[in-house]
Protein backbone atom coordinates (compact mmCIF):
# COMPACT_ATOMS: atom_id res chain seq x y z
CA UNK A 1 -79.10 121.94 -136.55
CA UNK A 2 -81.37 119.18 -135.42
CA UNK A 3 -82.85 120.01 -132.01
CA UNK A 4 -84.48 117.14 -130.15
CA UNK A 5 -83.71 118.29 -126.61
CA UNK A 6 -84.14 122.06 -126.83
CA UNK A 7 -87.93 122.31 -127.46
CA UNK A 8 -88.93 120.18 -124.44
CA UNK A 9 -86.40 122.06 -122.30
CA UNK A 10 -88.13 125.33 -123.22
CA UNK A 11 -91.54 123.89 -122.34
CA UNK A 12 -90.16 122.65 -119.01
CA UNK A 13 -88.62 126.04 -118.25
CA UNK A 14 -91.86 127.91 -118.98
CA UNK A 15 -93.74 125.47 -116.75
CA UNK A 16 -91.24 126.13 -113.98
CA UNK A 17 -91.63 129.90 -114.42
CA UNK A 18 -95.39 129.55 -113.93
CA UNK A 19 -94.97 127.21 -110.96
CA UNK A 20 -92.69 129.75 -109.34
CA UNK A 21 -95.23 132.51 -109.96
CA UNK A 22 -92.64 134.63 -111.70
CA UNK A 23 -93.49 137.91 -113.37
CA UNK A 24 -91.50 139.10 -116.36
CA UNK A 25 -90.46 142.57 -117.39
CA UNK A 26 -89.40 142.13 -121.01
CA UNK A 27 -88.49 144.97 -123.32
CA UNK A 28 -86.79 145.23 -126.69
CA UNK A 29 -87.14 141.59 -127.67
CA UNK A 30 -87.94 142.75 -131.20
CA UNK A 31 -84.24 143.59 -131.55
CA UNK A 32 -83.43 139.88 -131.77
CA UNK A 33 -83.62 139.13 -135.52
CA UNK A 34 -85.86 136.24 -136.54
CA UNK A 35 -83.21 134.82 -138.82
CA UNK A 36 -79.52 135.12 -139.58
CA UNK A 37 -76.48 135.01 -137.35
CA UNK A 38 -76.57 137.16 -134.20
CA UNK A 39 -74.41 137.33 -131.11
CA UNK A 40 -76.31 138.05 -127.90
CA UNK A 41 -74.14 139.58 -125.15
CA UNK A 42 -75.40 139.18 -121.57
CA UNK A 43 -74.45 140.50 -118.16
CA UNK A 44 -73.73 137.70 -115.68
CA UNK A 45 -75.19 137.87 -112.17
CA UNK A 46 -76.36 134.33 -111.36
CA UNK A 47 -76.12 130.64 -112.12
CA UNK A 48 -79.50 130.53 -113.89
CA UNK A 49 -78.65 133.27 -116.40
CA UNK A 50 -78.40 130.68 -119.19
CA UNK A 51 -82.05 129.74 -118.76
CA UNK A 52 -83.44 133.26 -118.67
CA UNK A 53 -80.97 134.52 -121.25
CA UNK A 54 -82.35 132.05 -123.76
CA UNK A 55 -85.86 133.27 -122.98
CA UNK A 56 -84.89 136.71 -124.33
CA UNK A 57 -84.81 135.23 -127.85
CA UNK A 58 -87.97 133.17 -127.48
CA UNK A 59 -90.35 135.83 -128.89
CA UNK A 60 -88.27 135.78 -132.09
CA UNK A 61 -88.41 132.01 -132.25
CA UNK A 62 -84.64 131.66 -131.82
CA UNK A 63 -82.66 129.01 -129.95
CA UNK A 64 -79.53 130.42 -128.33
CA UNK A 65 -76.27 128.44 -128.35
CA UNK A 66 -74.39 129.60 -125.27
CA UNK A 67 -70.65 129.72 -124.88
CA UNK A 68 -70.01 128.02 -121.53
CA UNK A 69 -67.02 126.90 -119.50
CA UNK A 70 -65.55 123.46 -120.16
CA UNK A 71 -66.30 122.28 -116.61
CA UNK A 72 -70.01 122.12 -117.43
CA UNK A 73 -69.32 119.86 -120.39
CA UNK A 74 -67.13 117.63 -118.22
CA UNK A 75 -69.96 117.08 -115.72
CA UNK A 76 -71.45 113.59 -115.78
CA UNK A 77 -75.07 114.73 -116.18
CA UNK A 78 -74.84 118.33 -117.37
CA UNK A 79 -72.29 117.61 -120.11
CA UNK A 80 -74.51 115.43 -122.32
CA UNK A 81 -77.35 117.97 -121.95
CA UNK A 82 -75.09 120.88 -122.96
CA UNK A 83 -73.92 119.01 -126.04
CA UNK A 84 -77.48 118.02 -127.01
CA UNK A 85 -78.43 121.73 -126.93
CA UNK A 86 -75.45 122.50 -129.20
CA UNK A 87 -73.88 124.91 -126.73
CA UNK A 88 -70.23 125.82 -127.23
CA UNK A 89 -67.51 124.53 -124.93
CA UNK A 90 -65.01 127.16 -123.79
CA UNK A 91 -61.59 126.26 -122.43
CA UNK A 92 -60.51 129.37 -120.55
CA UNK A 93 -56.88 128.42 -120.97
CA UNK A 94 -57.17 127.96 -124.73
CA UNK A 95 -60.06 129.77 -126.39
CA UNK A 96 -59.10 129.43 -130.05
CA UNK A 97 -61.31 126.39 -130.69
CA UNK A 98 -64.39 127.98 -129.11
CA UNK A 99 -63.75 131.20 -131.06
CA UNK A 100 -63.80 129.34 -134.35
CA UNK A 101 -66.82 127.25 -133.36
CA UNK A 102 -68.79 130.39 -132.44
CA UNK A 103 -67.85 132.08 -135.72
CA UNK A 104 -68.86 128.97 -137.65
CA UNK A 105 -72.24 128.82 -135.87
CA UNK A 106 -72.88 132.50 -136.60
CA UNK A 107 -71.98 132.18 -140.25
CA UNK A 108 -74.48 129.35 -140.48
CA UNK A 109 -77.20 131.67 -139.17
CA UNK A 110 -77.30 130.61 -135.52
CA UNK A 111 -77.93 132.79 -132.46
CA UNK A 112 -74.99 132.54 -130.08
CA UNK A 113 -74.96 133.74 -126.48
CA UNK A 114 -71.87 135.07 -124.71
CA UNK A 115 -71.07 136.53 -121.28
CA UNK A 116 -68.35 139.15 -121.94
CA UNK A 117 -67.51 139.30 -118.22
CA UNK A 118 -66.68 135.56 -118.38
CA UNK A 119 -67.68 135.00 -114.73
CA UNK A 120 -70.48 136.02 -112.38
CA UNK A 121 -70.25 139.54 -110.99
CA UNK A 122 -70.44 139.55 -107.20
CA UNK A 123 -70.87 143.34 -107.37
CA UNK A 124 -74.03 142.91 -109.51
CA UNK A 125 -72.50 145.61 -111.73
CA UNK A 126 -70.66 145.00 -114.97
CA UNK A 127 -67.11 143.76 -114.55
CA UNK A 128 -64.50 144.46 -117.20
CA UNK A 129 -65.38 142.86 -120.55
CA UNK A 130 -63.17 140.53 -122.53
CA UNK A 131 -62.81 141.52 -126.18
CA UNK A 132 -63.99 138.11 -127.41
CA UNK A 133 -67.56 139.21 -128.15
CA UNK A 134 -66.44 141.99 -130.47
CA UNK A 135 -63.81 139.85 -132.18
CA UNK A 136 -66.25 136.98 -132.76
CA UNK A 137 -69.01 139.23 -134.12
CA UNK A 138 -66.60 141.11 -136.38
CA UNK A 139 -65.08 137.91 -137.76
CA UNK A 140 -68.53 136.42 -138.47
CA UNK A 141 -69.95 139.70 -139.79
CA UNK A 142 -72.96 139.70 -137.46
CA UNK A 143 -74.45 142.25 -135.04
CA UNK A 144 -74.11 142.14 -131.27
CA UNK A 145 -77.42 142.43 -129.43
CA UNK A 146 -76.93 143.46 -125.77
CA UNK A 147 -79.15 141.82 -123.15
CA UNK A 148 -79.48 142.78 -119.49
CA UNK A 149 -80.86 140.34 -116.93
CA UNK A 150 -82.00 141.45 -113.49
CA UNK A 151 -83.58 139.44 -110.68
CA UNK A 152 -81.97 136.12 -111.58
CA UNK A 153 -79.31 136.66 -108.90
CA UNK A 154 -82.02 136.46 -106.24
CA UNK A 155 -82.46 132.76 -106.99
CA UNK A 156 -78.94 131.43 -107.29
CA UNK A 157 -75.63 133.28 -107.25
CA UNK A 158 -72.26 133.28 -105.54
CA UNK A 159 -71.95 133.58 -101.74
CA UNK A 160 -75.71 133.35 -101.06
CA UNK A 161 -78.14 130.48 -100.41
CA UNK A 162 -80.48 129.38 -103.15
CA UNK A 163 -83.94 130.92 -103.03
CA UNK A 164 -86.58 129.55 -105.37
CA UNK A 165 -89.51 130.99 -103.44
CA UNK A 166 -92.48 132.18 -105.47
CA UNK A 167 -93.36 135.58 -106.84
CA UNK A 168 -90.08 137.04 -108.03
CA UNK A 169 -89.89 139.47 -110.93
CA UNK A 170 -87.39 138.69 -113.67
CA UNK A 171 -86.32 141.57 -115.89
CA UNK A 172 -85.00 140.93 -119.41
CA UNK A 173 -84.07 144.01 -121.41
CA UNK A 174 -82.81 143.73 -124.97
CA UNK A 175 -80.99 146.63 -126.59
CA UNK A 176 -80.52 147.77 -130.17
CA UNK A 177 -77.95 145.89 -132.25
CA UNK A 178 -74.36 147.07 -132.21
CA UNK A 179 -72.47 146.65 -135.49
CA UNK A 180 -68.74 146.22 -134.97
CA UNK A 181 -65.84 146.05 -137.40
CA UNK A 182 -63.10 144.62 -135.21
CA UNK A 183 -60.74 147.41 -136.31
CA UNK A 184 -60.34 148.45 -132.66
CA UNK A 185 -61.67 145.64 -130.42
CA UNK A 186 -60.76 147.49 -127.22
CA UNK A 187 -62.69 150.65 -128.16
CA UNK A 188 -65.68 148.70 -129.49
CA UNK A 189 -65.72 146.57 -126.34
CA UNK A 190 -65.73 149.76 -124.27
CA UNK A 191 -68.71 150.98 -126.32
CA UNK A 192 -70.56 147.70 -125.68
CA UNK A 193 -69.74 147.94 -121.95
CA UNK A 194 -70.99 151.53 -121.75
CA UNK A 195 -74.22 150.69 -123.54
CA UNK A 196 -74.91 147.68 -121.32
CA UNK A 197 -74.00 149.62 -118.18
CA UNK A 198 -76.64 152.23 -119.04
CA UNK A 199 -79.16 149.47 -119.74
CA UNK A 200 -78.39 147.85 -116.37
CA UNK A 201 -78.99 151.15 -114.58
CA UNK A 202 -82.35 151.48 -116.33
CA UNK A 203 -83.27 147.88 -115.42
CA UNK A 204 -82.50 148.45 -111.75
CA UNK A 205 -84.50 151.70 -111.74
CA UNK A 206 -87.51 150.03 -113.40
CA UNK A 207 -87.53 147.00 -111.09
CA UNK A 208 -90.46 146.85 -108.62
CA UNK A 209 -89.47 148.88 -105.56
CA UNK A 210 -91.37 146.50 -103.26
CA UNK A 211 -89.00 143.70 -104.28
CA UNK A 212 -85.88 145.83 -104.10
CA UNK A 213 -85.74 147.51 -100.67
CA UNK A 214 -82.85 149.79 -99.72
CA UNK A 215 -79.88 147.76 -98.56
CA UNK A 216 -80.84 144.60 -100.45
CA UNK A 217 -77.84 142.29 -100.88
CA UNK A 218 -78.59 141.72 -104.58
CA UNK A 219 -78.41 145.43 -105.44
CA UNK A 220 -75.11 147.19 -106.30
CA UNK A 221 -73.63 149.46 -103.65
CA UNK A 222 -73.80 152.30 -106.18
CA UNK A 223 -77.59 151.87 -106.27
CA UNK A 224 -78.12 151.75 -102.50
CA UNK A 225 -77.65 148.02 -102.02
CA UNK A 226 -75.13 146.06 -99.99
CA UNK A 227 -73.51 143.97 -102.72
CA UNK A 228 -69.70 144.23 -102.72
CA UNK A 229 -68.21 147.10 -104.64
CA UNK A 230 -66.39 146.23 -107.85
CA UNK A 231 -63.07 146.59 -106.02
CA UNK A 232 -64.22 144.37 -103.15
CA UNK A 233 -65.54 141.82 -105.66
CA UNK A 234 -62.13 141.67 -107.35
CA UNK A 235 -60.57 140.71 -104.02
CA UNK A 236 -63.24 138.05 -103.41
CA UNK A 237 -62.73 136.64 -106.92
CA UNK A 238 -58.98 136.44 -106.33
CA UNK A 239 -59.49 134.62 -103.02
CA UNK A 240 -61.85 132.17 -104.71
CA UNK A 241 -59.29 131.53 -107.44
CA UNK A 242 -56.57 130.84 -104.88
CA UNK A 243 -58.84 128.43 -103.00
CA UNK A 244 -59.67 126.52 -106.17
CA UNK A 245 -55.98 126.27 -107.00
CA UNK A 246 -55.26 124.96 -103.51
CA UNK A 247 -57.95 122.28 -103.82
CA UNK A 248 -56.67 121.21 -107.22
CA UNK A 249 -53.16 120.91 -105.80
CA UNK A 250 -54.47 118.78 -102.92
CA UNK A 251 -56.25 116.44 -105.34
CA UNK A 252 -53.13 116.05 -107.44
CA UNK A 253 -51.06 115.31 -104.34
CA UNK A 254 -53.56 112.67 -103.19
CA UNK A 255 -53.56 110.98 -106.59
CA UNK A 256 -49.78 110.88 -106.65
CA UNK A 257 -49.54 109.48 -103.11
CA UNK A 258 -52.09 106.78 -103.97
CA UNK A 259 -49.91 105.44 -106.79
């Protein structure tokens, strides 16, 4: 693929990292192959995960094509940027097209990024995974490389104000490739979830204690933080979904009354 936009975006991002005085904990980046199709599976804890997720493949010289919700592509300014970076549009109501696009990219030797949880985890722990990652990798015949991000939620996530103050540590941990067959997508997805859950626990334990005090809102309740539990997060997600549906209904009603 011809990439005009991606290289300057990477330079801009690295400049921003330095300006923000960010420190990086990066491990396992050698697991990202330097060539050939590969599906990178990420946990999802904040709105800037796309930026830092792509950085995980930078040591291998790879550009990651992320699978992202259609709403981003519909945005007046963000949409053209997403398309110029050759990211993959995902319609949550109809995912067949994005499935085939991802498989096609992988067969052509691209690195594709996916968030198996589909949405940000308010609990900061792994939510249930969709089976899409396993099915895509199996269909394309490529490995899944698990990636855990930690610290990105401190900048921009759900239910909390943005905080781009200086000096934060960003952890990026890349695991060994997982080779799936697709014979049992549910079982293989469970294996991917278990592996990434263990990696997340290790990332939290290795994070600088001075930046992660007991009771911190960005730390899971199971690790001594005050983030919602997974069960509480499910209830918050459901309430958010209802509110979005209500707003959409209001907009439709206004459009109809204006006719």
